[in-house]
Amino acid sequence: MPTDVLIADFVVSTPEERDYELGRVLSTAKFKAAIYGKLGIIITRHDFSRFSVSLSLAVPFGDIHERDYAQRT
């Protein structure tokens, strides 16, 4: 099994859309993490409209880590 498994990579245009998509994708990620039993979840904000959610061996099962690479100007 690879170290990280990408579940979703998506772009949003409103905070409401972001919240909806993150909720939907996190449900899927939690389900898949439970199947594997060894993977945690990483949520990455690449910028203010692009996000990705991955399963990772680097995160303990049951944990969710957040990475924020968005730069404020």
PDB file of N, CA and C in Angstrom:
ATOM      1  N   MET A   1       0.841  -1.179   0.000  1.00  0.00           N
ATOM      2  CA  MET A   1       0.000   0.000   0.000  1.00  0.00           C
ATOM      3  C   MET A   1       0.885   1.241   0.000  1.00  0.00           C
ATOM      4  N   PRO A   2       0.556   2.232  -0.828  1.00  0.00           N
ATOM      5  CA  PRO A   2       1.343   3.465  -0.830  1.00  0.00           C
ATOM      6  C   PRO A   2       1.210   4.204   0.502  1.00  0.00           C
ATOM      7  N   THR A   3       2.151   5.116   0.761  1.00  0.00           N
ATOM      8  CA  THR A   3       2.143   5.880   2.005  1.00  0.00           C
ATOM      9  C   THR A   3       0.914   6.775   2.097  1.00  0.00           C
ATOM     10  N   ASP A   4       0.559   7.470   1.023  1.00  0.00           N
ATOM     11  CA  ASP A   4      -0.617   8.341   0.993  1.00  0.00           C
ATOM     12  C   ASP A   4      -1.576   7.903  -0.104  1.00  0.00           C
ATOM     13  N   VAL A   5      -2.866   7.999   0.184  1.00  0.00           N
ATOM     14  CA  VAL A   5      -3.901   7.661  -0.787  1.00  0.00           C
ATOM     15  C   VAL A   5      -4.804   8.881  -0.945  1.00  0.00           C
ATOM     16  N   LEU A   6      -4.782   9.498  -2.114  1.00  0.00           N
ATOM     17  CA  LEU A   6      -5.606  10.678  -2.377  1.00  0.00           C
ATOM     18  C   LEU A   6      -7.072  10.266  -2.466  1.00  0.00           C
ATOM     19  N   ILE A   7      -7.900  10.918  -1.677  1.00  0.00           N
ATOM     20  CA  ILE A   7      -9.339  10.680  -1.718  1.00  0.00           C
ATOM     21  C   ILE A   7     -10.022  11.701  -2.619  1.00  0.00           C
ATOM     22  N   ALA A   8      -9.616  12.975  -2.499  1.00  0.00           N
ATOM     23  CA  ALA A   8     -10.238  14.022  -3.322  1.00  0.00           C
ATOM     24  C   ALA A   8      -9.333  15.236  -3.405  1.00  0.00           C
ATOM     25  N   ASP A   9      -9.424  15.932  -4.521  1.00  0.00           N
ATOM     26  CA  ASP A   9      -8.751  17.203  -4.751  1.00  0.00           C
ATOM     27  C   ASP A   9      -9.807  18.084  -5.414  1.00  0.00           C
ATOM     28  N   PHE A  10     -10.161  19.201  -4.779  1.00  0.00           N
ATOM     29  CA  PHE A  10     -11.279  19.975  -5.304  1.00  0.00           C
ATOM     30  C   PHE A  10     -11.075  21.470  -5.113  1.00  0.00           C
ATOM     31  N   VAL A  11     -11.812  22.239  -5.924  1.00  0.00           N
ATOM     32  CA  VAL A  11     -11.776  23.699  -5.903  1.00  0.00           C
ATOM     33  C   VAL A  11     -13.183  24.189  -5.563  1.00  0.00           C
ATOM     34  N   VAL A  12     -13.241  25.194  -4.682  1.00  0.00           N
ATOM     35  CA  VAL A  12     -14.523  25.772  -4.276  1.00  0.00           C
ATOM     36  C   VAL A  12     -14.501  27.282  -4.494  1.00  0.00           C
ATOM     37  N   SER A  13     -15.685  27.884  -4.504  1.00  0.00           N
ATOM     38  CA  SER A  13     -15.737  29.329  -4.709  1.00  0.00           C
ATOM     39  C   SER A  13     -16.372  30.083  -3.544  1.00  0.00           C
ATOM     40  N   THR A  14     -17.002  29.361  -2.602  1.00  0.00           N
ATOM     41  CA  THR A  14     -17.617  30.023  -1.449  1.00  0.00           C
ATOM     42  C   THR A  14     -17.300  29.231  -0.182  1.00  0.00           C
ATOM     43  N   PRO A  15     -17.366  29.876   0.978  1.00  0.00           N
ATOM     44  CA  PRO A  15     -17.172  29.143   2.237  1.00  0.00           C
ATOM     45  C   PRO A  15     -18.212  28.039   2.438  1.00  0.00           C
ATOM     46  N   GLU A  16     -19.440  28.276   1.987  1.00  0.00           N
ATOM     47  CA  GLU A  16     -20.482  27.263   2.114  1.00  0.00           C
ATOM     48  C   GLU A  16     -20.166  26.029   1.265  1.00  0.00           C
ATOM     49  N   GLU A  17     -19.686  26.270   0.066  1.00  0.00           N
ATOM     50  CA  GLU A  17     -19.295  25.164  -0.811  1.00  0.00           C
ATOM     51  C   GLU A  17     -18.120  24.407  -0.201  1.00  0.00           C
ATOM     52  N   ARG A  18     -17.154  25.129   0.371  1.00  0.00           N
ATOM     53  CA  ARG A  18     -16.009  24.496   1.042  1.00  0.00           C
ATOM     54  C   ARG A  18     -16.484  23.584   2.160  1.00  0.00           C
ATOM     55  N   ASP A  19     -17.351  24.095   3.021  1.00  0.00           N
ATOM     56  CA  ASP A  19     -17.833  23.304   4.156  1.00  0.00           C
ATOM     57  C   ASP A  19     -18.586  22.064   3.690  1.00  0.00           C
ATOM     58  N   TYR A  20     -19.420  22.222   2.679  1.00  0.00           N
ATOM     59  CA  TYR A  20     -20.173  21.087   2.142  1.00  0.00           C
ATOM     60  C   TYR A  20     -19.234  20.023   1.579  1.00  0.00           C
ATOM     61  N   GLU A  21     -18.299  20.443   0.725  1.00  0.00           N
ATOM     62  CA  GLU A  21     -17.380  19.491   0.095  1.00  0.00           C
ATOM     63  C   GLU A  21     -16.483  18.803   1.121  1.00  0.00           C
ATOM     64  N   LEU A  22     -15.964  19.572   2.089  1.00  0.00           N
ATOM     65  CA  LEU A  22     -15.129  18.953   3.112  1.00  0.00           C
ATOM     66  C   LEU A  22     -15.917  17.932   3.925  1.00  0.00           C
ATOM     67  N   GLY A  23     -17.143  18.247   4.273  1.00  0.00           N
ATOM     68  CA  GLY A  23     -17.971  17.294   5.011  1.00  0.00           C
ATOM     69  C   GLY A  23     -18.221  16.024   4.225  1.00  0.00           C
ATOM     70  N   ARG A  24     -18.537  16.188   2.956  1.00  0.00           N
ATOM     71  CA  ARG A  24     -18.810  15.032   2.090  1.00  0.00           C
ATOM     72  C   ARG A  24     -17.574  14.159   1.924  1.00  0.00           C
ATOM     73  N   VAL A  25     -16.445  14.791   1.646  1.00  0.00           N
ATOM     74  CA  VAL A  25     -15.210  14.052   1.401  1.00  0.00           C
ATOM     75  C   VAL A  25     -14.691  13.419   2.690  1.00  0.00           C
ATOM     76  N   LEU A  26     -14.822  14.116   3.817  1.00  0.00           N
ATOM     77  CA  LEU A  26     -14.380  13.539   5.085  1.00  0.00           C
ATOM     78  C   LEU A  26     -15.173  12.290   5.445  1.00  0.00           C
ATOM     79  N   SER A  27     -16.452  12.261   5.132  1.00  0.00           N
ATOM     80  CA  SER A  27     -17.249  11.054   5.376  1.00  0.00           C
ATOM     81  C   SER A  27     -16.683   9.866   4.608  1.00  0.00           C
ATOM     82  N   THR A  28     -16.344  10.090   3.365  1.00  0.00           N
ATOM     83  CA  THR A  28     -15.743   9.034   2.545  1.00  0.00           C
ATOM     84  C   THR A  28     -14.380   8.633   3.089  1.00  0.00           C
ATOM     85  N   ALA A  29     -13.561   9.614   3.456  1.00  0.00           N
ATOM     86  CA  ALA A  29     -12.221   9.333   3.972  1.00  0.00           C
ATOM     87  C   ALA A  29     -12.283   8.528   5.269  1.00  0.00           C
ATOM     88  N   LYS A  30     -13.190   8.891   6.167  1.00  0.00           N
ATOM     89  CA  LYS A  30     -13.327   8.160   7.433  1.00  0.00           C
ATOM     90  C   LYS A  30     -13.755   6.724   7.189  1.00  0.00           C
ATOM     91  N   PHE A  31     -14.673   6.525   6.252  1.00  0.00           N
ATOM     92  CA  PHE A  31     -15.120   5.175   5.908  1.00  0.00           C
ATOM     93  C   PHE A  31     -13.963   4.337   5.371  1.00  0.00           C
ATOM     94  N   LYS A  32     -13.190   4.901   4.431  1.00  0.00           N
ATOM     95  CA  LYS A  32     -12.063   4.165   3.848  1.00  0.00           C
ATOM     96  C   LYS A  32     -10.958   3.935   4.874  1.00  0.00           C
ATOM     97  N   ALA A  33     -10.713   4.908   5.754  1.00  0.00           N
ATOM     98  CA  ALA A  33      -9.698   4.743   6.798  1.00  0.00           C
ATOM     99  C   ALA A  33     -10.079   3.593   7.719  1.00  0.00           C
ATOM    100  N   ALA A  34     -11.368   3.454   8.032  1.00  0.00           N
ATOM    101  CA  ALA A  34     -11.825   2.364   8.897  1.00  0.00           C
ATOM    102  C   ALA A  34     -11.626   1.007   8.232  1.00  0.00           C
ATOM    103  N   ILE A  35     -11.768   0.953   6.922  1.00  0.00           N
ATOM    104  CA  ILE A  35     -11.554  -0.307   6.199  1.00  0.00           C
ATOM    105  C   ILE A  35     -10.090  -0.727   6.295  1.00  0.00           C
ATOM    106  N   TYR A  36      -9.163   0.219   6.071  1.00  0.00           N
ATOM    107  CA  TYR A  36      -7.734  -0.085   6.127  1.00  0.00           C
ATOM    108  C   TYR A  36      -7.265  -0.259   7.569  1.00  0.00           C
ATOM    109  N   GLY A  37      -7.803   0.540   8.482  1.00  0.00           N
ATOM    110  CA  GLY A  37      -7.499   0.402   9.892  1.00  0.00           C
ATOM    111  C   GLY A  37      -6.164   0.940  10.366  1.00  0.00           C
ATOM    112  N   LYS A  38      -5.323   1.423   9.481  1.00  0.00           N
ATOM    113  CA  LYS A  38      -4.002   1.914   9.872  1.00  0.00           C
ATOM    114  C   LYS A  38      -3.734   3.341   9.393  1.00  0.00           C
ATOM    115  N   LEU A  39      -4.668   3.930   8.687  1.00  0.00           N
ATOM    116  CA  LEU A  39      -4.428   5.220   8.054  1.00  0.00           C
ATOM    117  C   LEU A  39      -5.208   6.334   8.733  1.00  0.00           C
ATOM    118  N   GLY A  40      -4.553   7.478   8.918  1.00  0.00           N
ATOM    119  CA  GLY A  40      -5.223   8.681   9.367  1.00  0.00           C
ATOM    120  C   GLY A  40      -5.537   9.552   8.169  1.00  0.00           C
ATOM    121  N   ILE A  41      -6.030  10.739   8.433  1.00  0.00           N
ATOM    122  CA  ILE A  41      -6.493  11.625   7.368  1.00  0.00           C
ATOM    123  C   ILE A  41      -5.705  12.935   7.395  1.00  0.00           C
ATOM    124  N   ILE A  42      -5.331  13.402   6.203  1.00  0.00           N
ATOM    125  CA  ILE A  42      -4.693  14.708   6.051  1.00  0.00           C
ATOM    126  C   ILE A  42      -5.584  15.580   5.170  1.00  0.00           C
ATOM    127  N   ILE A  43      -5.924  16.767   5.680  1.00  0.00           N
ATOM    128  CA  ILE A  43      -6.631  17.776   4.896  1.00  0.00           C
ATOM    129  C   ILE A  43      -5.615  18.858   4.562  1.00  0.00           C
ATOM    130  N   THR A  44      -5.463  19.152   3.278  1.00  0.00           N
ATOM    131  CA  THR A  44      -4.509  20.175   2.847  1.00  0.00           C
ATOM    132  C   THR A  44      -5.238  21.315   2.154  1.00  0.00           C
ATOM    133  N   ARG A  45      -4.976  22.542   2.627  1.00  0.00           N
ATOM    134  CA  ARG A  45      -5.471  23.734   1.929  1.00  0.00           C
ATOM    135  C   ARG A  45      -4.296  24.267   1.132  1.00  0.00           C
ATOM    136  N   HIS A  46      -4.370  24.099  -0.198  1.00  0.00           N
ATOM    137  CA  HIS A  46      -3.286  24.520  -1.090  1.00  0.00           C
ATOM    138  C   HIS A  46      -3.308  26.023  -1.312  1.00  0.00           C
ATOM    139  N   ASP A  47      -4.502  26.582  -1.441  1.00  0.00           N
ATOM    140  CA  ASP A  47      -4.720  28.022  -1.491  1.00  0.00           C
ATOM    141  C   ASP A  47      -6.131  28.247  -0.972  1.00  0.00           C
ATOM    142  N   PHE A  48      -6.682  29.426  -1.148  1.00  0.00           N
ATOM    143  CA  PHE A  48      -7.964  29.720  -0.527  1.00  0.00           C
ATOM    144  C   PHE A  48      -9.156  29.072  -1.225  1.00  0.00           C
ATOM    145  N   SER A  49      -8.923  28.406  -2.344  1.00  0.00           N
ATOM    146  CA  SER A  49     -10.038  27.744  -3.019  1.00  0.00           C
ATOM    147  C   SER A  49      -9.774  26.272  -3.333  1.00  0.00           C
ATOM    148  N   ARG A  50      -8.562  25.790  -3.153  1.00  0.00           N
ATOM    149  CA  ARG A  50      -8.234  24.399  -3.508  1.00  0.00           C
ATOM    150  C   ARG A  50      -7.852  23.606  -2.264  1.00  0.00           C
ATOM    151  N   PHE A  51      -8.469  22.429  -2.142  1.00  0.00           N
ATOM    152  CA  PHE A  51      -8.253  21.544  -1.008  1.00  0.00           C
ATOM    153  C   PHE A  51      -8.029  20.124  -1.499  1.00  0.00           C
ATOM    154  N   SER A  52      -7.334  19.329  -0.681  1.00  0.00           N
ATOM    155  CA  SER A  52      -7.245  17.900  -0.951  1.00  0.00           C
ATOM    156  C   SER A  52      -7.370  17.153   0.368  1.00  0.00           C
ATOM    157  N   VAL A  53      -7.840  15.919   0.257  1.00  0.00           N
ATOM    158  CA  VAL A  53      -7.987  15.047   1.417  1.00  0.00           C
ATOM    159  C   VAL A  53      -7.341  13.720   1.049  1.00  0.00           C
ATOM    160  N   SER A  54      -6.446  13.249   1.933  1.00  0.00           N
ATOM    161  CA  SER A  54      -5.719  12.003   1.696  1.00  0.00           C
ATOM    162  C   SER A  54      -5.732  11.136   2.942  1.00  0.00           C
ATOM    163  N   LEU A  55      -5.578   9.844   2.736  1.00  0.00           N
ATOM    164  CA  LEU A  55      -5.302   8.922   3.828  1.00  0.00           C
ATOM    165  C   LEU A  55      -3.798   8.763   3.894  1.00  0.00           C
ATOM    166  N   SER A  56      -3.258   8.613   5.111  1.00  0.00           N
ATOM    167  CA  SER A  56      -1.804   8.570   5.242  1.00  0.00           C
ATOM    168  C   SER A  56      -1.361   7.659   6.382  1.00  0.00           C
ATOM    169  N   LEU A  57      -0.293   6.905   6.132  1.00  0.00           N
ATOM    170  CA  LEU A  57       0.344   6.113   7.189  1.00  0.00           C
ATOM    171  C   LEU A  57       1.069   7.009   8.183  1.00  0.00           C
ATOM    172  N   ALA A  58       1.375   8.250   7.784  1.00  0.00           N
ATOM    173  CA  ALA A  58       2.092   9.192   8.655  1.00  0.00           C
ATOM    174  C   ALA A  58       1.194   9.772   9.751  1.00  0.00           C
ATOM    175  N   VAL A  59      -0.102   9.550   9.635  1.00  0.00           N
ATOM    176  CA  VAL A  59      -1.065  10.043  10.621  1.00  0.00           C
ATOM    177  C   VAL A  59      -1.679   8.837  11.315  1.00  0.00           C
ATOM    178  N   PRO A  60      -1.716   8.835  12.645  1.00  0.00           N
ATOM    179  CA  PRO A  60      -2.311   7.697  13.351  1.00  0.00           C
ATOM    180  C   PRO A  60      -3.790   7.509  12.990  1.00  0.00           C
ATOM    181  N   PHE A  61      -4.205   6.259  12.952  1.00  0.00           N
ATOM    182  CA  PHE A  61      -5.601   5.936  12.668  1.00  0.00           C
ATOM    183  C   PHE A  61      -6.503   6.673  13.656  1.00  0.00           C
ATOM    184  N   GLY A  62      -7.551   7.295  13.135  1.00  0.00           N
ATOM    185  CA  GLY A  62      -8.484   8.035  13.971  1.00  0.00           C
ATOM    186  C   GLY A  62      -8.163   9.513  14.098  1.00  0.00           C
ATOM    187  N   ASP A  63      -6.968   9.924  13.661  1.00  0.00           N
ATOM    188  CA  ASP A  63      -6.572  11.329  13.730  1.00  0.00           C
ATOM    189  C   ASP A  63      -6.771  12.018  12.384  1.00  0.00           C
ATOM    190  N   ILE A  64      -6.992  13.332  12.443  1.00  0.00           N
ATOM    191  CA  ILE A  64      -7.061  14.171  11.253  1.00  0.00           C
ATOM    192  C   ILE A  64      -6.054  15.295  11.434  1.00  0.00           C
ATOM    193  N   HIS A  65      -5.101  15.398  10.502  1.00  0.00           N
ATOM    194  CA  HIS A  65      -4.116  16.486  10.524  1.00  0.00           C
ATOM    195  C   HIS A  65      -4.451  17.466   9.414  1.00  0.00           C
ATOM    196  N   GLU A  66      -4.219  18.731   9.682  1.00  0.00           N
ATOM    197  CA  GLU A  66      -4.473  19.770   8.692  1.00  0.00           C
ATOM    198  C   GLU A  66      -3.159  20.428   8.282  1.00  0.00           C
ATOM    199  N   ARG A  67      -3.031  20.674   6.992  1.00  0.00           N
ATOM    200  CA  ARG A  67      -1.891  21.426   6.439  1.00  0.00           C
ATOM    201  C   ARG A  67      -2.450  22.650   5.739  1.00  0.00           C
ATOM    202  N   ASP A  68      -1.869  23.799   6.009  1.00  0.00           N
ATOM    203  CA  ASP A  68      -2.352  25.041   5.417  1.00  0.00           C
ATOM    204  C   ASP A  68      -1.215  25.730   4.675  1.00  0.00           C
ATOM    205  N   TYR A  69      -1.263  25.666   3.345  1.00  0.00           N
ATOM    206  CA  TYR A  69      -0.237  26.288   2.510  1.00  0.00           C
ATOM    207  C   TYR A  69      -0.719  27.573   1.857  1.00  0.00           C
ATOM    208  N   ALA A  70      -1.927  28.033   2.221  1.00  0.00           N
ATOM    209  CA  ALA A  70      -2.464  29.276   1.644  1.00  0.00           C
ATOM    210  C   ALA A  70      -1.661  30.454   2.179  1.00  0.00           C
ATOM    211  N   GLN A  71      -1.328  31.366   1.300  1.00  0.00           N
ATOM    212  CA  GLN A  71      -0.537  32.546   1.662  1.00  0.00           C
ATOM    213  C   GLN A  71      -1.421  33.775   1.641  1.00  0.00           C
ATOM    214  N   ARG A  72      -1.466  34.459   2.756  1.00  0.00           N
ATOM    215  CA  ARG A  72      -2.200  35.734   2.820  1.00  0.00           C
ATOM    216  C   ARG A  72      -1.290  36.824   2.280  1.00  0.00           C
ATOM    217  N   THR A  73      -1.871  37.737   1.510  1.00  0.00           N
ATOM    218  CA  THR A  73      -1.081  38.848   0.965  1.00  0.00           C
ATOM    219  C   THR A  73      -1.437  40.162   1.607  1.00  0.00           C
TER     220      THR A  73
END
